[in-house]
Amino acid sequence: MSVSEPLVQSILLGDAIEHGPVAIFVADDEMHYVAVNTFACELLGYTREELLGMRVIDIARYPEAPDEFGDMVVAGKLEGSATLVRKDGSELIIRYLASQTQIAGLEYYVSIAWPEP
């Protein structure tokens, strides 16, 4: 089977996303996390199960966070920086690129984030 086959590409991309060097968060329209990758968990100190029980505003606790999420929903994408709160209470400044996407015919919002240098 060739690496260009759709099934092989899906597996390779899935593993690259799961174990890649950036945090990936997928949220629904009510800001509940529905998927996160390993780096997101390590970056924030939460288990996957803990993050999947949380909402965007549980880790992005600054006052503008809900409005920024709403702006991203309206515009379809958003780029910027945010301050996230780790499990231990410490704060982390990240850069992010977020956009609307379709997964299995449903609308979700995916964000790619990395620590700001």
PDB file of N, CA and C in Angstrom:
ATOM      1  N   MET A   1       0.846  -1.178   0.000  1.00  0.00           N
ATOM      2  CA  MET A   1       0.000   0.000   0.000  1.00  0.00           C
ATOM      3  C   MET A   1       0.894   1.245   0.000  1.00  0.00           C
ATOM      4  N   SER A   2       0.573   2.191  -0.848  1.00  0.00           N
ATOM      5  CA  SER A   2       1.343   3.415  -1.010  1.00  0.00           C
ATOM      6  C   SER A   2       1.008   4.434   0.091  1.00  0.00           C
ATOM      7  N   VAL A   3       1.994   5.266   0.445  1.00  0.00           N
ATOM      8  CA  VAL A   3       1.742   6.299   1.446  1.00  0.00           C
ATOM      9  C   VAL A   3       0.734   7.338   0.955  1.00  0.00           C
ATOM     10  N   SER A   4       0.464   7.368  -0.348  1.00  0.00           N
ATOM     11  CA  SER A   4      -0.506   8.329  -0.872  1.00  0.00           C
ATOM     12  C   SER A   4      -1.945   7.826  -0.764  1.00  0.00           C
ATOM     13  N   GLU A   5      -2.128   6.593  -0.352  1.00  0.00           N
ATOM     14  CA  GLU A   5      -3.475   6.046  -0.181  1.00  0.00           C
ATOM     15  C   GLU A   5      -4.198   6.807   0.931  1.00  0.00           C
ATOM     16  N   PRO A   6      -5.487   7.116   0.742  1.00  0.00           N
ATOM     17  CA  PRO A   6      -6.234   7.884   1.755  1.00  0.00           C
ATOM     18  C   PRO A   6      -6.178   7.273   3.157  1.00  0.00           C
ATOM     19  N   LEU A   7      -6.293   5.961   3.278  1.00  0.00           N
ATOM     20  CA  LEU A   7      -6.254   5.339   4.604  1.00  0.00           C
ATOM     21  C   LEU A   7      -4.891   5.538   5.259  1.00  0.00           C
ATOM     22  N   VAL A   8      -3.824   5.362   4.512  1.00  0.00           N
ATOM     23  CA  VAL A   8      -2.471   5.552   5.042  1.00  0.00           C
ATOM     24  C   VAL A   8      -2.271   7.011   5.429  1.00  0.00           C
ATOM     25  N   GLN A   9      -2.727   7.938   4.584  1.00  0.00           N
ATOM     26  CA  GLN A   9      -2.614   9.360   4.894  1.00  0.00           C
ATOM     27  C   GLN A   9      -3.369   9.702   6.178  1.00  0.00           C
ATOM     28  N   SER A  10      -4.549   9.140   6.339  1.00  0.00           N
ATOM     29  CA  SER A  10      -5.340   9.392   7.540  1.00  0.00           C
ATOM     30  C   SER A  10      -4.611   8.913   8.793  1.00  0.00           C
ATOM     31  N   ILE A  11      -4.007   7.743   8.723  1.00  0.00           N
ATOM     32  CA  ILE A  11      -3.263   7.201   9.868  1.00  0.00           C
ATOM     33  C   ILE A  11      -2.035   8.055  10.154  1.00  0.00           C
ATOM     34  N   LEU A  12      -1.275   8.388   9.118  1.00  0.00           N
ATOM     35  CA  LEU A  12      -0.063   9.191   9.306  1.00  0.00           C
ATOM     36  C   LEU A  12      -0.399  10.568   9.882  1.00  0.00           C
ATOM     37  N   LEU A  13      -1.409  11.226   9.329  1.00  0.00           N
ATOM     38  CA  LEU A  13      -1.790  12.548   9.840  1.00  0.00           C
ATOM     39  C   LEU A  13      -2.328  12.458  11.259  1.00  0.00           C
ATOM     40  N   GLY A  14      -3.113  11.435  11.532  1.00  0.00           N
ATOM     41  CA  GLY A  14      -3.648  11.259  12.883  1.00  0.00           C
ATOM     42  C   GLY A  14      -2.545  11.117  13.911  1.00  0.00           C
ATOM     43  N   ASP A  15      -1.548  10.286  13.610  1.00  0.00           N
ATOM     44  CA  ASP A  15      -0.423  10.107  14.533  1.00  0.00           C
ATOM     45  C   ASP A  15       0.410  11.380  14.647  1.00  0.00           C
ATOM     46  N   ALA A  16       0.608  12.079  13.536  1.00  0.00           N
ATOM     47  CA  ALA A  16       1.388  13.321  13.567  1.00  0.00           C
ATOM     48  C   ALA A  16       0.689  14.372  14.422  1.00  0.00           C
ATOM     49  N   ILE A  17      -0.618  14.469  14.299  1.00  0.00           N
ATOM     50  CA  ILE A  17      -1.377  15.437  15.088  1.00  0.00           C
ATOM     51  C   ILE A  17      -1.381  15.047  16.557  1.00  0.00           C
ATOM     52  N   GLU A  18      -1.579  13.776  16.833  1.00  0.00           N
ATOM     53  CA  GLU A  18      -1.634  13.318  18.224  1.00  0.00           C
ATOM     54  C   GLU A  18      -0.315  13.551  18.953  1.00  0.00           C
ATOM     55  N   HIS A  19       0.798  13.350  18.259  1.00  0.00           N
ATOM     56  CA  HIS A  19       2.102  13.401  18.917  1.00  0.00           C
ATOM     57  C   HIS A  19       2.956  14.588  18.468  1.00  0.00           C
ATOM     58  N   GLY A  20       2.356  15.538  17.773  1.00  0.00           N
ATOM     59  CA  GLY A  20       3.098  16.677  17.239  1.00  0.00           C
ATOM     60  C   GLY A  20       3.514  17.686  18.298  1.00  0.00           C
ATOM     61  N   PRO A  21       4.350  18.666  17.901  1.00  0.00           N
ATOM     62  CA  PRO A  21       4.923  19.641  18.831  1.00  0.00           C
ATOM     63  C   PRO A  21       4.077  20.885  19.066  1.00  0.00           C
ATOM     64  N   VAL A  22       2.791  20.819  18.743  1.00  0.00           N
ATOM     65  CA  VAL A  22       1.865  21.917  19.024  1.00  0.00           C
ATOM     66  C   VAL A  22       0.632  21.357  19.713  1.00  0.00           C
ATOM     67  N   ALA A  23      -0.031  22.204  20.491  1.00  0.00           N
ATOM     68  CA  ALA A  23      -1.258  21.785  21.165  1.00  0.00           C
ATOM     69  C   ALA A  23      -2.418  21.913  20.187  1.00  0.00           C
ATOM     70  N   ILE A  24      -3.278  20.906  20.164  1.00  0.00           N
ATOM     71  CA  ILE A  24      -4.462  20.936  19.309  1.00  0.00           C
ATOM     72  C   ILE A  24      -5.679  20.725  20.195  1.00  0.00           C
ATOM     73  N   PHE A  25      -6.613  21.666  20.077  1.00  0.00           N
ATOM     74  CA  PHE A  25      -7.862  21.617  20.825  1.00  0.00           C
ATOM     75  C   PHE A  25      -9.015  21.638  19.823  1.00  0.00           C
ATOM     76  N   VAL A  26      -9.999  20.789  20.006  1.00  0.00           N
ATOM     77  CA  VAL A  26     -11.212  20.816  19.192  1.00  0.00           C
ATOM     78  C   VAL A  26     -12.376  21.033  20.149  1.00  0.00           C
ATOM     79  N   ALA A  27     -13.193  22.048  19.857  1.00  0.00           N
ATOM     80  CA  ALA A  27     -14.323  22.393  20.722  1.00  0.00           C
ATOM     81  C   ALA A  27     -15.613  22.434  19.908  1.00  0.00           C
ATOM     82  N   ASP A  28     -16.718  22.246  20.608  1.00  0.00           N
ATOM     83  CA  ASP A  28     -18.012  22.373  19.949  1.00  0.00           C
ATOM     84  C   ASP A  28     -18.509  23.810  20.069  1.00  0.00           C
ATOM     85  N   ASP A  29     -19.720  24.071  19.592  1.00  0.00           N
ATOM     86  CA  ASP A  29     -20.227  25.443  19.592  1.00  0.00           C
ATOM     87  C   ASP A  29     -20.582  25.969  20.981  1.00  0.00           C
ATOM     88  N   GLU A  30     -20.582  25.096  21.988  1.00  0.00           N
ATOM     89  CA  GLU A  30     -20.806  25.527  23.363  1.00  0.00           C
ATOM     90  C   GLU A  30     -19.495  25.617  24.152  1.00  0.00           C
ATOM     91  N   MET A  31     -18.388  25.592  23.433  1.00  0.00           N
ATOM     92  CA  MET A  31     -17.032  25.717  23.982  1.00  0.00           C
ATOM     93  C   MET A  31     -16.577  24.504  24.786  1.00  0.00           C
ATOM     94  N   HIS A  32     -17.240  23.366  24.657  1.00  0.00           N
ATOM     95  CA  HIS A  32     -16.785  22.131  25.328  1.00  0.00           C
ATOM     96  C   HIS A  32     -15.701  21.482  24.475  1.00  0.00           C
ATOM     97  N   TYR A  33     -14.620  21.072  25.113  1.00  0.00           N
ATOM     98  CA  TYR A  33     -13.585  20.347  24.378  1.00  0.00           C
ATOM     99  C   TYR A  33     -14.091  18.955  24.042  1.00  0.00           C
ATOM    100  N   VAL A  34     -13.932  18.576  22.777  1.00  0.00           N
ATOM    101  CA  VAL A  34     -14.331  17.242  22.333  1.00  0.00           C
ATOM    102  C   VAL A  34     -13.128  16.409  21.912  1.00  0.00           C
ATOM    103  N   ALA A  35     -11.975  17.059  21.708  1.00  0.00           N
ATOM    104  CA  ALA A  35     -10.732  16.349  21.389  1.00  0.00           C
ATOM    105  C   ALA A  35      -9.551  17.253  21.725  1.00  0.00           C
ATOM    106  N   VAL A  36      -8.491  16.650  22.216  1.00  0.00           N
ATOM    107  CA  VAL A  36      -7.232  17.348  22.486  1.00  0.00           C
ATOM    108  C   VAL A  36      -6.101  16.373  22.194  1.00  0.00           C
ATOM    109  N   ASN A  37      -4.942  16.893  21.852  1.00  0.00           N
ATOM    110  CA  ASN A  37      -3.816  15.990  21.606  1.00  0.00           C
ATOM    111  C   ASN A  37      -2.910  15.900  22.843  1.00  0.00           C
ATOM    112  N   THR A  38      -1.919  15.044  22.749  1.00  0.00           N
ATOM    113  CA  THR A  38      -1.002  14.787  23.862  1.00  0.00           C
ATOM    114  C   THR A  38      -0.281  16.057  24.310  1.00  0.00           C
ATOM    115  N   PHE A  39       0.196  16.860  23.356  1.00  0.00           N
ATOM    116  CA  PHE A  39       0.936  18.061  23.712  1.00  0.00           C
ATOM    117  C   PHE A  39       0.060  19.044  24.495  1.00  0.00           C
ATOM    118  N   ALA A  40      -1.218  19.151  24.142  1.00  0.00           N
ATOM    119  CA  ALA A  40      -2.131  20.031  24.887  1.00  0.00           C
ATOM    120  C   ALA A  40      -2.214  19.593  26.345  1.00  0.00           C
ATOM    121  N   CYS A  41      -2.311  18.298  26.555  1.00  0.00           N
ATOM    122  CA  CYS A  41      -2.382  17.764  27.925  1.00  0.00           C
ATOM    123  C   CYS A  41      -1.098  18.058  28.688  1.00  0.00           C
ATOM    124  N   GLU A  42       0.035  17.787  28.062  1.00  0.00           N
ATOM    125  CA  GLU A  42       1.328  18.014  28.712  1.00  0.00           C
ATOM    126  C   GLU A  42       1.556  19.498  28.994  1.00  0.00           C
ATOM    127  N   LEU A  43       1.189  20.341  28.062  1.00  0.00           N
ATOM    128  CA  LEU A  43       1.392  21.778  28.196  1.00  0.00           C
ATOM    129  C   LEU A  43       0.630  22.347  29.390  1.00  0.00           C
ATOM    130  N   LEU A  44      -0.586  21.844  29.600  1.00  0.00           N
ATOM    131  CA  LEU A  44      -1.440  22.388  30.654  1.00  0.00           C
ATOM    132  C   LEU A  44      -1.456  21.555  31.928  1.00  0.00           C
ATOM    133  N   GLY A  45      -0.891  20.352  31.892  1.00  0.00           N
ATOM    134  CA  GLY A  45      -0.805  19.522  33.089  1.00  0.00           C
ATOM    135  C   GLY A  45      -2.071  18.749  33.416  1.00  0.00           C
ATOM    136  N   TYR A  46      -3.009  18.695  32.488  1.00  0.00           N
ATOM    137  CA  TYR A  46      -4.249  17.940  32.688  1.00  0.00           C
ATOM    138  C   TYR A  46      -4.180  16.612  31.953  1.00  0.00           C
ATOM    139  N   THR A  47      -4.952  15.639  32.412  1.00  0.00           N
ATOM    140  CA  THR A  47      -5.120  14.417  31.635  1.00  0.00           C
ATOM    141  C   THR A  47      -6.096  14.729  30.500  1.00  0.00           C
ATOM    142  N   ARG A  48      -6.116  13.876  29.507  1.00  0.00           N
ATOM    143  CA  ARG A  48      -7.067  14.038  28.407  1.00  0.00           C
ATOM    144  C   ARG A  48      -8.503  14.034  28.940  1.00  0.00           C
ATOM    145  N   GLU A  49      -8.781  13.105  29.840  1.00  0.00           N
ATOM    146  CA  GLU A  49     -10.132  13.003  30.389  1.00  0.00           C
ATOM    147  C   GLU A  49     -10.541  14.294  31.108  1.00  0.00           C
ATOM    148  N   GLU A  50      -9.593  14.888  31.831  1.00  0.00           N
ATOM    149  CA  GLU A  50      -9.898  16.152  32.520  1.00  0.00           C
ATOM    150  C   GLU A  50     -10.219  17.256  31.516  1.00  0.00           C
ATOM    151  N   LEU A  51      -9.378  17.394  30.489  1.00  0.00           N
ATOM    152  CA  LEU A  51      -9.625  18.444  29.494  1.00  0.00           C
ATOM    153  C   LEU A  51     -10.934  18.214  28.749  1.00  0.00           C
ATOM    154  N   LEU A  52     -11.268  16.963  28.467  1.00  0.00           N
ATOM    155  CA  LEU A  52     -12.511  16.682  27.747  1.00  0.00           C
ATOM    156  C   LEU A  52     -13.750  16.957  28.598  1.00  0.00           C
ATOM    157  N   GLY A  53     -13.563  17.142  29.878  1.00  0.00           N
ATOM    158  CA  GLY A  53     -14.661  17.528  30.757  1.00  0.00           C
ATOM    159  C   GLY A  53     -14.722  19.037  30.976  1.00  0.00           C
ATOM    160  N   MET A  54     -13.901  19.785  30.250  1.00  0.00           N
ATOM    161  CA  MET A  54     -13.796  21.227  30.457  1.00  0.00           C
ATOM    162  C   MET A  54     -14.291  22.001  29.248  1.00  0.00           C
ATOM    163  N   ARG A  55     -14.448  23.292  29.459  1.00  0.00           N
ATOM    164  CA  ARG A  55     -14.804  24.219  28.393  1.00  0.00           C
ATOM    165  C   ARG A  55     -13.629  25.172  28.155  1.00  0.00           C
ATOM    166  N   VAL A  56     -13.652  25.835  27.028  1.00  0.00           N
ATOM    167  CA  VAL A  56     -12.593  26.790  26.684  1.00  0.00           C
ATOM    168  C   VAL A  56     -12.381  27.783  27.824  1.00  0.00           C
ATOM    169  N   ILE A  57     -13.464  28.293  28.390  1.00  0.00           N
ATOM    170  CA  ILE A  57     -13.342  29.319  29.433  1.00  0.00           C
ATOM    171  C   ILE A  57     -12.841  28.768  30.772  1.00  0.00           C
ATOM    172  N   ASP A  58     -12.719  27.448  30.885  1.00  0.00           N
ATOM    173  CA  ASP A  58     -12.138  26.877  32.103  1.00  0.00           C
ATOM    174  C   ASP A  58     -10.619  27.034  32.134  1.00  0.00           C
ATOM    175  N   ILE A  59     -10.002  27.146  30.964  1.00  0.00           N
ATOM    176  CA  ILE A  59      -8.549  27.346  30.937  1.00  0.00           C
ATOM    177  C   ILE A  59      -8.175  28.730  30.404  1.00  0.00           C
ATOM    178  N   ALA A  60      -9.048  29.321  29.599  1.00  0.00           N
ATOM    179  CA  ALA A  60      -8.856  30.699  29.134  1.00  0.00           C
ATOM    180  C   ALA A  60      -9.778  31.550  29.998  1.00  0.00           C
ATOM    181  N   ARG A  61      -9.300  31.900  31.173  1.00  0.00           N
ATOM    182  CA  ARG A  61     -10.160  32.519  32.195  1.00  0.00           C
ATOM    183  C   ARG A  61     -10.203  34.040  32.154  1.00  0.00           C
ATOM    184  N   TYR A  62      -9.628  34.639  31.147  1.00  0.00           N
ATOM    185  CA  TYR A  62      -9.641  36.101  31.072  1.00  0.00           C
ATOM    186  C   TYR A  62     -10.991  36.579  30.520  1.00  0.00           C
ATOM    187  N   PRO A  63     -11.404  37.786  30.875  1.00  0.00           N
ATOM    188  CA  PRO A  63     -12.760  38.266  30.555  1.00  0.00           C
ATOM    189  C   PRO A  63     -13.125  38.281  29.065  1.00  0.00           C
ATOM    190  N   GLU A  64     -12.159  38.498  28.194  1.00  0.00           N
ATOM    191  CA  GLU A  64     -12.443  38.607  26.760  1.00  0.00           C
ATOM    192  C   GLU A  64     -12.573  37.253  26.063  1.00  0.00           C
ATOM    193  N   ALA A  65     -12.246  36.154  26.733  1.00  0.00           N
ATOM    194  CA  ALA A  65     -12.221  34.834  26.087  1.00  0.00           C
ATOM    195  C   ALA A  65     -13.551  34.451  25.429  1.00  0.00           C
ATOM    196  N   PRO A  66     -14.695  34.586  26.108  1.00  0.00           N
ATOM    197  CA  PRO A  66     -15.948  34.222  25.430  1.00  0.00           C
ATOM    198  C   PRO A  66     -16.221  35.062  24.175  1.00  0.00           C
ATOM    199  N   ASP A  67     -15.903  36.364  24.238  1.00  0.00           N
ATOM    200  CA  ASP A  67     -16.098  37.218  23.070  1.00  0.00           C
ATOM    201  C   ASP A  67     -15.159  36.835  21.935  1.00  0.00           C
ATOM    202  N   GLU A  68     -13.920  36.471  22.259  1.00  0.00           N
ATOM    203  CA  GLU A  68     -12.972  36.040  21.231  1.00  0.00           C
ATOM    204  C   GLU A  68     -13.466  34.761  20.556  1.00  0.00           C
ATOM    205  N   PHE A  69     -14.015  33.833  21.347  1.00  0.00           N
ATOM    206  CA  PHE A  69     -14.571  32.610  20.764  1.00  0.00           C
ATOM    207  C   PHE A  69     -15.728  32.978  19.833  1.00  0.00           C
ATOM    208  N   GLY A  70     -16.581  33.876  20.278  1.00  0.00           N
ATOM    209  CA  GLY A  70     -17.694  34.330  19.438  1.00  0.00           C
ATOM    210  C   GLY A  70     -17.223  35.008  18.162  1.00  0.00           C
ATOM    211  N   ASP A  71     -16.172  35.815  18.254  1.00  0.00           N
ATOM    212  CA  ASP A  71     -15.600  36.459  17.067  1.00  0.00           C
ATOM    213  C   ASP A  71     -15.092  35.423  16.077  1.00  0.00           C
ATOM    214  N   MET A  72     -14.467  34.353  16.603  1.00  0.00           N
ATOM    215  CA  MET A  72     -13.962  33.291  15.748  1.00  0.00           C
ATOM    216  C   MET A  72     -15.112  32.565  15.057  1.00  0.00           C
ATOM    217  N   VAL A  73     -16.201  32.332  15.786  1.00  0.00           N
ATOM    218  CA  VAL A  73     -17.368  31.668  15.199  1.00  0.00           C
ATOM    219  C   VAL A  73     -17.929  32.514  14.052  1.00  0.00           C
ATOM    220  N   VAL A  74     -18.073  33.813  14.270  1.00  0.00           N
ATOM    221  CA  VAL A  74     -18.634  34.702  13.250  1.00  0.00           C
ATOM    222  C   VAL A  74     -17.703  34.817  12.044  1.00  0.00           C
ATOM    223  N   ALA A  75     -16.414  35.026  12.289  1.00  0.00           N
ATOM    224  CA  ALA A  75     -15.454  35.231  11.203  1.00  0.00           C
ATOM    225  C   ALA A  75     -15.019  33.921  10.545  1.00  0.00           C
ATOM    226  N   GLY A  76     -15.167  32.811  11.258  1.00  0.00           N
ATOM    227  CA  GLY A  76     -14.716  31.523  10.728  1.00  0.00           C
ATOM    228  C   GLY A  76     -13.285  31.197  11.083  1.00  0.00           C
ATOM    229  N   LYS A  77     -12.530  32.203  11.559  1.00  0.00           N
ATOM    230  CA  LYS A  77     -11.151  31.961  11.997  1.00  0.00           C
ATOM    231  C   LYS A  77     -10.686  33.119  12.858  1.00  0.00           C
ATOM    232  N   LEU A  78      -9.642  32.868  13.625  1.00  0.00           N
ATOM    233  CA  LEU A  78      -9.078  33.900  14.495  1.00  0.00           C
ATOM    234  C   LEU A  78      -7.644  33.521  14.824  1.00  0.00           C
ATOM    235  N   GLU A  79      -6.804  34.527  14.893  1.00  0.00           N
ATOM    236  CA  GLU A  79      -5.395  34.332  15.246  1.00  0.00           C
ATOM    237  C   GLU A  79      -5.060  35.310  16.353  1.00  0.00           C
ATOM    238  N   GLY A  80      -4.258  34.874  17.321  1.00  0.00           N
ATOM    239  CA  GLY A  80      -3.888  35.788  18.376  1.00  0.00           C
ATOM    240  C   GLY A  80      -3.087  35.137  19.474  1.00  0.00           C
ATOM    241  N   SER A  81      -3.122  35.747  20.637  1.00  0.00           N
ATOM    242  CA  SER A  81      -2.462  35.190  21.806  1.00  0.00           C
ATOM    243  C   SER A  81      -3.473  35.158  22.940  1.00  0.00           C
ATOM    244  N   ALA A  82      -3.212  34.287  23.888  1.00  0.00           N
ATOM    245  CA  ALA A  82      -4.121  34.121  25.022  1.00  0.00           C
ATOM    246  C   ALA A  82      -3.317  33.685  26.235  1.00  0.00           C
ATOM    247  N   THR A  83      -3.871  33.930  27.391  1.00  0.00           N
ATOM    248  CA  THR A  83      -3.277  33.454  28.633  1.00  0.00           C
ATOM    249  C   THR A  83      -4.138  32.307  29.139  1.00  0.00           C
ATOM    250  N   LEU A  84      -3.528  31.141  29.251  1.00  0.00           N
ATOM    251  CA  LEU A  84      -4.220  29.955  29.743  1.00  0.00           C
ATOM    252  C   LEU A  84      -3.764  29.643  31.156  1.00  0.00           C
ATOM    253  N   VAL A  85      -4.632  29.010  31.923  1.00  0.00           N
ATOM    254  CA  VAL A  85      -4.303  28.626  33.290  1.00  0.00           C
ATOM    255  C   VAL A  85      -4.081  27.117  33.330  1.00  0.00           C
ATOM    256  N   ARG A  86      -2.888  26.745  33.787  1.00  0.00           N
ATOM    257  CA  ARG A  86      -2.544  25.329  33.920  1.00  0.00           C
ATOM    258  C   ARG A  86      -3.215  24.727  35.150  1.00  0.00           C
ATOM    259  N   LYS A  87      -3.165  23.414  35.225  1.00  0.00           N
ATOM    260  CA  LYS A  87      -3.768  22.710  36.356  1.00  0.00           C
ATOM    261  C   LYS A  87      -3.174  23.169  37.687  1.00  0.00           C
ATOM    262  N   ASP A  88      -1.877  23.480  37.697  1.00  0.00           N
ATOM    263  CA  ASP A  88      -1.233  23.909  38.940  1.00  0.00           C
ATOM    264  C   ASP A  88      -1.496  25.382  39.278  1.00  0.00           C
ATOM    265  N   GLY A  89      -2.301  26.056  38.447  1.00  0.00           N
ATOM    266  CA  GLY A  89      -2.641  27.451  38.702  1.00  0.00           C
ATOM    267  C   GLY A  89      -1.729  28.458  38.036  1.00  0.00           C
ATOM    268  N   SER A  90      -0.613  28.002  37.493  1.00  0.00           N
ATOM    269  CA  SER A  90       0.288  28.931  36.815  1.00  0.00           C
ATOM    270  C   SER A  90      -0.309  29.344  35.470  1.00  0.00           C
ATOM    271  N   GLU A  91       0.122  30.491  34.984  1.00  0.00           N
ATOM    272  CA  GLU A  91      -0.384  31.014  33.720  1.00  0.00           C
ATOM    273  C   GLU A  91       0.622  30.771  32.604  1.00  0.00           C
ATOM    274  N   LEU A  92       0.100  30.568  31.406  1.00  0.00           N
ATOM    275  CA  LEU A  92       0.922  30.306  30.231  1.00  0.00           C
ATOM    276  C   LEU A  92       0.399  31.156  29.082  1.00  0.00           C
ATOM    277  N   ILE A  93       1.272  31.946  28.485  1.00  0.00           N
ATOM    278  CA  ILE A  93       0.889  32.736  27.316  1.00  0.00           C
ATOM    279  C   ILE A  93       1.163  31.906  26.074  1.00  0.00           C
ATOM    280  N   ILE A  94       0.132  31.782  25.240  1.00  0.00           N
ATOM    281  CA  ILE A  94       0.256  30.999  24.012  1.00  0.00           C
ATOM    282  C   ILE A  94      -0.126  31.851  22.804  1.00  0.00           C
ATOM    283  N   ARG A  95       0.346  31.451  21.660  1.00  0.00           N
ATOM    284  CA  ARG A  95      -0.122  31.966  20.363  1.00  0.00           C
ATOM    285  C   ARG A  95      -1.052  30.898  19.814  1.00  0.00           C
ATOM    286  N   TYR A  96      -2.049  31.305  19.045  1.00  0.00           N
ATOM    287  CA  TYR A  96      -2.970  30.321  18.492  1.00  0.00           C
ATOM    288  C   TYR A  96      -3.502  30.743  17.128  1.00  0.00           C
ATOM    289  N   LEU A  97      -3.944  29.755  16.398  1.00  0.00           N
ATOM    290  CA  LEU A  97      -4.667  29.928  15.151  1.00  0.00           C
ATOM    291  C   LEU A  97      -5.872  29.009  15.267  1.00  0.00           C
ATOM    292  N   ALA A  98      -7.058  29.580  15.188  1.00  0.00           N
ATOM    293  CA  ALA A  98      -8.286  28.806  15.370  1.00  0.00           C
ATOM    294  C   ALA A  98      -9.193  29.008  14.168  1.00  0.00           C
ATOM    295  N   SER A  99      -9.926  27.960  13.822  1.00  0.00           N
ATOM    296  CA  SER A  99     -10.874  28.090  12.724  1.00  0.00           C
ATOM    297  C   SER A  99     -12.000  27.082  12.854  1.00  0.00           C
ATOM    298  N   GLN A 100     -13.042  27.370  12.127  1.00  0.00           N
ATOM    299  CA  GLN A 100     -14.204  26.515  12.048  1.00  0.00           C
ATOM    300  C   GLN A 100     -13.880  25.372  11.084  1.00  0.00           C
ATOM    301  N   THR A 101     -14.403  24.185  11.359  1.00  0.00           N
ATOM    302  CA  THR A 101     -14.193  23.056  10.470  1.00  0.00           C
ATOM    303  C   THR A 101     -15.390  22.118  10.535  1.00  0.00           C
ATOM    304  N   GLN A 102     -15.475  21.227   9.596  1.00  0.00           N
ATOM    305  CA  GLN A 102     -16.511  20.203   9.569  1.00  0.00           C
ATOM    306  C   GLN A 102     -15.851  18.853   9.833  1.00  0.00           C
ATOM    307  N   ILE A 103     -16.395  18.116  10.797  1.00  0.00           N
ATOM    308  CA  ILE A 103     -15.909  16.769  11.095  1.00  0.00           C
ATOM    309  C   ILE A 103     -17.124  15.863  11.100  1.00  0.00           C
ATOM    310  N   ALA A 104     -17.120  14.879  10.222  1.00  0.00           N
ATOM    311  CA  ALA A 104     -18.247  13.947  10.088  1.00  0.00           C
ATOM    312  C   ALA A 104     -19.565  14.711   9.899  1.00  0.00           C
ATOM    313  N   GLY A 105     -19.504  15.804   9.154  1.00  0.00           N
ATOM    314  CA  GLY A 105     -20.695  16.578   8.855  1.00  0.00           C
ATOM    315  C   GLY A 105     -21.150  17.516   9.957  1.00  0.00           C
ATOM    316  N   LEU A 106     -20.414  17.576  11.048  1.00  0.00           N
ATOM    317  CA  LEU A 106     -20.772  18.446  12.164  1.00  0.00           C
ATOM    318  C   LEU A 106     -19.777  19.596  12.265  1.00  0.00           C
ATOM    319  N   GLU A 107     -20.237  20.720  12.774  1.00  0.00           N
ATOM    320  CA  GLU A 107     -19.396  21.909  12.896  1.00  0.00           C
ATOM    321  C   GLU A 107     -18.631  21.908  14.212  1.00  0.00           C
ATOM    322  N   TYR A 108     -17.322  22.088  14.113  1.00  0.00           N
ATOM    323  CA  TYR A 108     -16.458  22.185  15.283  1.00  0.00           C
ATOM    324  C   TYR A 108     -15.472  23.317  15.070  1.00  0.00           C
ATOM    325  N   TYR A 109     -14.702  23.600  16.113  1.00  0.00           N
ATOM    326  CA  TYR A 109     -13.715  24.668  16.073  1.00  0.00           C
ATOM    327  C   TYR A 109     -12.383  24.094  16.530  1.00  0.00           C
ATOM    328  N   VAL A 110     -11.390  24.187  15.675  1.00  0.00           N
ATOM    329  CA  VAL A 110     -10.083  23.621  15.981  1.00  0.00           C
ATOM    330  C   VAL A 110      -9.089  24.754  16.203  1.00  0.00           C
ATOM    331  N   SER A 111      -8.269  24.572  17.230  1.00  0.00           N
ATOM    332  CA  SER A 111      -7.263  25.567  17.558  1.00  0.00           C
ATOM    333  C   SER A 111      -5.914  24.874  17.659  1.00  0.00           C
ATOM    334  N   ILE A 112      -4.932  25.468  17.011  1.00  0.00           N
ATOM    335  CA  ILE A 112      -3.548  25.026  17.106  1.00  0.00           C
ATOM    336  C   ILE A 112      -2.823  26.072  17.945  1.00  0.00           C
ATOM    337  N   ALA A 113      -2.153  25.640  19.006  1.00  0.00           N
ATOM    338  CA  ALA A 113      -1.530  26.591  19.923  1.00  0.00           C
ATOM    339  C   ALA A 113      -0.112  26.160  20.282  1.00  0.00           C
ATOM    340  N   TRP A 114       0.714  27.142  20.603  1.00  0.00           N
ATOM    341  CA  TRP A 114       2.090  26.884  21.020  1.00  0.00           C
ATOM    342  C   TRP A 114       2.494  27.959  22.033  1.00  0.00           C
ATOM    343  N   PRO A 115       3.400  27.640  22.936  1.00  0.00           N
ATOM    344  CA  PRO A 115       3.839  28.632  23.925  1.00  0.00           C
ATOM    345  C   PRO A 115       4.506  29.826  23.248  1.00  0.00           C
ATOM    346  N   GLU A 116       4.195  30.996  23.724  1.00  0.00           N
ATOM    347  CA  GLU A 116       4.840  32.189  23.182  1.00  0.00           C
ATOM    348  C   GLU A 116       6.249  32.252  23.735  1.00  0.00           C
ATOM    349  N   PRO A 117       7.228  32.503  22.859  1.00  0.00           N
ATOM    350  CA  PRO A 117       8.629  32.535  23.334  1.00  0.00           C
ATOM    351  C   PRO A 117       8.882  33.659  24.310  1.00  0.00           C
TER     352      PRO A 117
END
